[in-house]
Amino acid sequence: MAVVKEKEQSENAIVRLFRETRSELRKVVWPSREETFRLTVVVVLISVVIGLILFVSDSIFLSLYTLLVNTVSGT
């Protein structure tokens, strides 16, 4: 008897979880197609800018490191 009650309670908990989740998802305000496109463009542009900054700084540090190694080794 206790096993059946525990099983029913766990099933009720799962059903309640799905109902509450569905209820919360109905409250979500989804972005429009234009807003999604605009924000995607912003994310891509920021990623490209940060990538370029990292590339330039890495190139500068590589050049400085190579210059330092060549100066120390005497070549």
N, C-alpha and C. Protein backbone atom coordinates (compact mmCIF):
# COMPACT_ATOMS: atom_id res chain seq x y z
N MET A 1 0.82 -1.19 0.00
CA MET A 1 0.00 0.00 0.00
C MET A 1 0.86 1.26 0.00
N ALA A 2 1.93 1.26 0.81
CA ALA A 2 2.80 2.42 0.89
C ALA A 2 3.54 2.64 -0.44
N VAL A 3 3.86 1.53 -1.10
CA VAL A 3 4.57 1.62 -2.37
C VAL A 3 3.68 2.28 -3.42
N VAL A 4 2.40 1.93 -3.42
CA VAL A 4 1.46 2.49 -4.38
C VAL A 4 1.29 3.99 -4.13
N LYS A 5 1.19 4.39 -2.87
CA LYS A 5 1.04 5.81 -2.54
C LYS A 5 2.27 6.60 -2.96
N GLU A 6 3.46 6.04 -2.72
CA GLU A 6 4.69 6.73 -3.11
C GLU A 6 4.74 6.89 -4.63
N LYS A 7 4.33 5.85 -5.35
CA LYS A 7 4.34 5.91 -6.81
C LYS A 7 3.35 6.96 -7.30
N GLU A 8 2.15 7.00 -6.70
CA GLU A 8 1.15 8.00 -7.10
C GLU A 8 1.64 9.41 -6.79
N GLN A 9 2.30 9.57 -5.63
CA GLN A 9 2.81 10.90 -5.27
C GLN A 9 3.90 11.34 -6.23
N SER A 10 4.78 10.40 -6.62
CA SER A 10 5.85 10.78 -7.55
C SER A 10 5.27 11.11 -8.92
N GLU A 11 4.24 10.36 -9.36
CA GLU A 11 3.59 10.67 -10.63
C GLU A 11 2.89 12.02 -10.56
N ASN A 12 2.23 12.29 -9.45
CA ASN A 12 1.57 13.58 -9.28
C ASN A 12 2.59 14.71 -9.28
N ALA A 13 3.75 14.47 -8.67
CA ALA A 13 4.79 15.49 -8.63
C ALA A 13 5.31 15.77 -10.05
N ILE A 14 5.45 14.72 -10.84
CA ILE A 14 5.93 14.89 -12.22
C ILE A 14 4.89 15.64 -13.04
N VAL A 15 3.63 15.27 -12.90
CA VAL A 15 2.55 15.94 -13.63
C VAL A 15 2.49 17.41 -13.21
N ARG A 16 2.61 17.67 -11.92
CA ARG A 16 2.57 19.05 -11.42
C ARG A 16 3.75 19.86 -11.97
N LEU A 17 4.92 19.21 -12.01
CA LEU A 17 6.10 19.88 -12.55
C LEU A 17 5.88 20.30 -14.00
N PHE A 18 5.33 19.39 -14.82
CA PHE A 18 5.09 19.72 -16.22
C PHE A 18 4.01 20.80 -16.38
N ARG A 19 2.99 20.75 -15.55
CA ARG A 19 1.95 21.78 -15.62
C ARG A 19 2.50 23.15 -15.24
N GLU A 20 3.31 23.19 -14.18
CA GLU A 20 3.90 24.46 -13.76
C GLU A 20 4.87 24.99 -14.81
N THR A 21 5.63 24.09 -15.40
CA THR A 21 6.57 24.49 -16.45
C THR A 21 5.83 25.07 -17.64
N ARG A 22 4.75 24.40 -18.04
CA ARG A 22 3.94 24.88 -19.16
C ARG A 22 3.33 26.24 -18.83
N SER A 23 2.88 26.39 -17.61
CA SER A 23 2.29 27.66 -17.18
C SER A 23 3.33 28.79 -17.24
N GLU A 24 4.54 28.51 -16.78
CA GLU A 24 5.59 29.53 -16.80
C GLU A 24 6.00 29.87 -18.23
N LEU A 25 6.05 28.87 -19.11
CA LEU A 25 6.42 29.13 -20.49
C LEU A 25 5.39 29.99 -21.21
N ARG A 26 4.14 29.92 -20.79
CA ARG A 26 3.12 30.78 -21.39
C ARG A 26 3.31 32.24 -21.00
N LYS A 27 3.99 32.48 -19.90
CA LYS A 27 4.23 33.86 -19.43
C LYS A 27 5.43 34.50 -20.13
N VAL A 28 6.25 33.70 -20.80
CA VAL A 28 7.46 34.22 -21.43
C VAL A 28 7.09 35.12 -22.60
N VAL A 29 7.79 36.24 -22.69
CA VAL A 29 7.61 37.13 -23.84
C VAL A 29 8.76 36.84 -24.80
N TRP A 30 8.43 36.17 -25.89
CA TRP A 30 9.44 35.77 -26.84
C TRP A 30 9.80 36.96 -27.73
N PRO A 31 11.09 37.10 -28.11
CA PRO A 31 11.49 38.21 -28.97
C PRO A 31 10.93 38.04 -30.38
N SER A 32 10.75 39.17 -31.05
CA SER A 32 10.27 39.12 -32.42
C SER A 32 11.39 38.64 -33.35
N ARG A 33 11.03 38.34 -34.57
CA ARG A 33 12.03 37.88 -35.55
C ARG A 33 13.08 38.97 -35.80
N GLU A 34 12.63 40.21 -35.90
CA GLU A 34 13.55 41.33 -36.15
C GLU A 34 14.50 41.53 -34.98
N GLU A 35 13.96 41.45 -33.76
CA GLU A 35 14.78 41.63 -32.57
C GLU A 35 15.81 40.50 -32.45
N THR A 36 15.40 39.29 -32.75
CA THR A 36 16.33 38.17 -32.72
C THR A 36 17.44 38.35 -33.74
N PHE A 37 17.10 38.78 -34.94
CA PHE A 37 18.10 39.02 -35.98
C PHE A 37 19.07 40.11 -35.56
N ARG A 38 18.52 41.21 -35.03
CA ARG A 38 19.35 42.34 -34.62
C ARG A 38 20.32 41.94 -33.51
N LEU A 39 19.84 41.23 -32.51
CA LEU A 39 20.70 40.82 -31.41
C LEU A 39 21.74 39.80 -31.85
N THR A 40 21.37 38.95 -32.81
CA THR A 40 22.34 37.99 -33.35
C THR A 40 23.46 38.72 -34.07
N VAL A 41 23.12 39.76 -34.83
CA VAL A 41 24.14 40.55 -35.52
C VAL A 41 25.07 41.22 -34.50
N VAL A 42 24.51 41.74 -33.43
CA VAL A 42 25.31 42.38 -32.39
C VAL A 42 26.30 41.37 -31.79
N VAL A 43 25.83 40.17 -31.48
CA VAL A 43 26.69 39.14 -30.88
C VAL A 43 27.81 38.75 -31.85
N VAL A 44 27.48 38.58 -33.12
CA VAL A 44 28.49 38.21 -34.12
C VAL A 44 29.53 39.32 -34.26
N LEU A 45 29.07 40.58 -34.34
CA LEU A 45 30.02 41.70 -34.47
C LEU A 45 30.94 41.81 -33.26
N ILE A 46 30.39 41.69 -32.08
CA ILE A 46 31.22 41.75 -30.87
C ILE A 46 32.23 40.61 -30.86
N SER A 47 31.81 39.42 -31.28
CA SER A 47 32.71 38.27 -31.33
C SER A 47 33.85 38.51 -32.32
N VAL A 48 33.53 39.09 -33.48
CA VAL A 48 34.55 39.38 -34.48
C VAL A 48 35.53 40.43 -33.95
N VAL A 49 35.02 41.48 -33.32
CA VAL A 49 35.89 42.53 -32.78
C VAL A 49 36.82 41.96 -31.71
N ILE A 50 36.28 41.17 -30.80
CA ILE A 50 37.12 40.58 -29.76
C ILE A 50 38.14 39.62 -30.37
N GLY A 51 37.73 38.86 -31.37
CA GLY A 51 38.66 37.97 -32.07
C GLY A 51 39.80 38.74 -32.72
N LEU A 52 39.47 39.87 -33.36
CA LEU A 52 40.52 40.70 -33.98
C LEU A 52 41.46 41.29 -32.93
N ILE A 53 40.91 41.75 -31.83
CA ILE A 53 41.75 42.30 -30.75
C ILE A 53 42.71 41.22 -30.23
N LEU A 54 42.19 40.02 -30.02
CA LEU A 54 43.05 38.93 -29.54
C LEU A 54 44.09 38.55 -30.58
N PHE A 55 43.72 38.54 -31.86
CA PHE A 55 44.67 38.21 -32.92
C PHE A 55 45.80 39.23 -32.98
N VAL A 56 45.44 40.51 -32.93
CA VAL A 56 46.46 41.56 -33.01
C VAL A 56 47.37 41.52 -31.79
N SER A 57 46.79 41.38 -30.60
CA SER A 57 47.62 41.34 -29.40
C SER A 57 48.51 40.10 -29.39
N ASP A 58 48.00 38.97 -29.85
CA ASP A 58 48.82 37.75 -29.92
C ASP A 58 49.96 37.92 -30.92
N SER A 59 49.67 38.56 -32.04
CA SER A 59 50.72 38.80 -33.05
C SER A 59 51.80 39.72 -32.50
N ILE A 60 51.39 40.75 -31.78
CA ILE A 60 52.36 41.68 -31.19
C ILE A 60 53.24 40.95 -30.17
N PHE A 61 52.61 40.17 -29.28
CA PHE A 61 53.40 39.45 -28.27
C PHE A 61 54.30 38.41 -28.91
N LEU A 62 53.85 37.76 -29.98
CA LEU A 62 54.69 36.79 -30.67
C LEU A 62 55.90 37.49 -31.29
N SER A 63 55.69 38.65 -31.90
CA SER A 63 56.80 39.40 -32.48
C SER A 63 57.78 39.84 -31.40
N LEU A 64 57.27 40.33 -30.29
CA LEU A 64 58.15 40.75 -29.19
C LEU A 64 58.92 39.56 -28.63
N TYR A 65 58.25 38.42 -28.48
CA TYR A 65 58.91 37.23 -27.96
C TYR A 65 60.00 36.76 -28.93
N THR A 66 59.70 36.74 -30.22
CA THR A 66 60.68 36.33 -31.22
C THR A 66 61.87 37.28 -31.22
N LEU A 67 61.61 38.57 -31.13
CA LEU A 67 62.68 39.56 -31.07
C LEU A 67 63.55 39.35 -29.83
N LEU A 68 62.93 39.10 -28.70
CA LEU A 68 63.66 38.86 -27.46
C LEU A 68 64.50 37.60 -27.55
N VAL A 69 63.95 36.51 -28.09
CA VAL A 69 64.68 35.25 -28.20
C VAL A 69 65.86 35.42 -29.16
N ASN A 70 65.65 36.12 -30.27
CA ASN A 70 66.74 36.33 -31.23
C ASN A 70 67.83 37.22 -30.64
N THR A 71 67.43 38.20 -29.83
CA THR A 71 68.43 39.08 -29.21
C THR A 71 69.24 38.32 -28.18
N VAL A 72 68.62 37.51 -27.37
CA VAL A 72 69.30 36.76 -26.32
C VAL A 72 70.18 35.68 -26.93
N SER A 73 69.73 34.99 -27.94
CA SER A 73 70.52 33.90 -28.53
C SER A 73 71.62 34.44 -29.45
N GLY A 74 71.53 35.70 -29.86
CA GLY A 74 72.59 36.30 -30.66
C GLY A 74 72.47 36.03 -32.14
N THR A 75 71.36 35.56 -32.63
CA THR A 75 71.19 35.30 -34.05
C THR A 75 70.56 36.44 -34.76
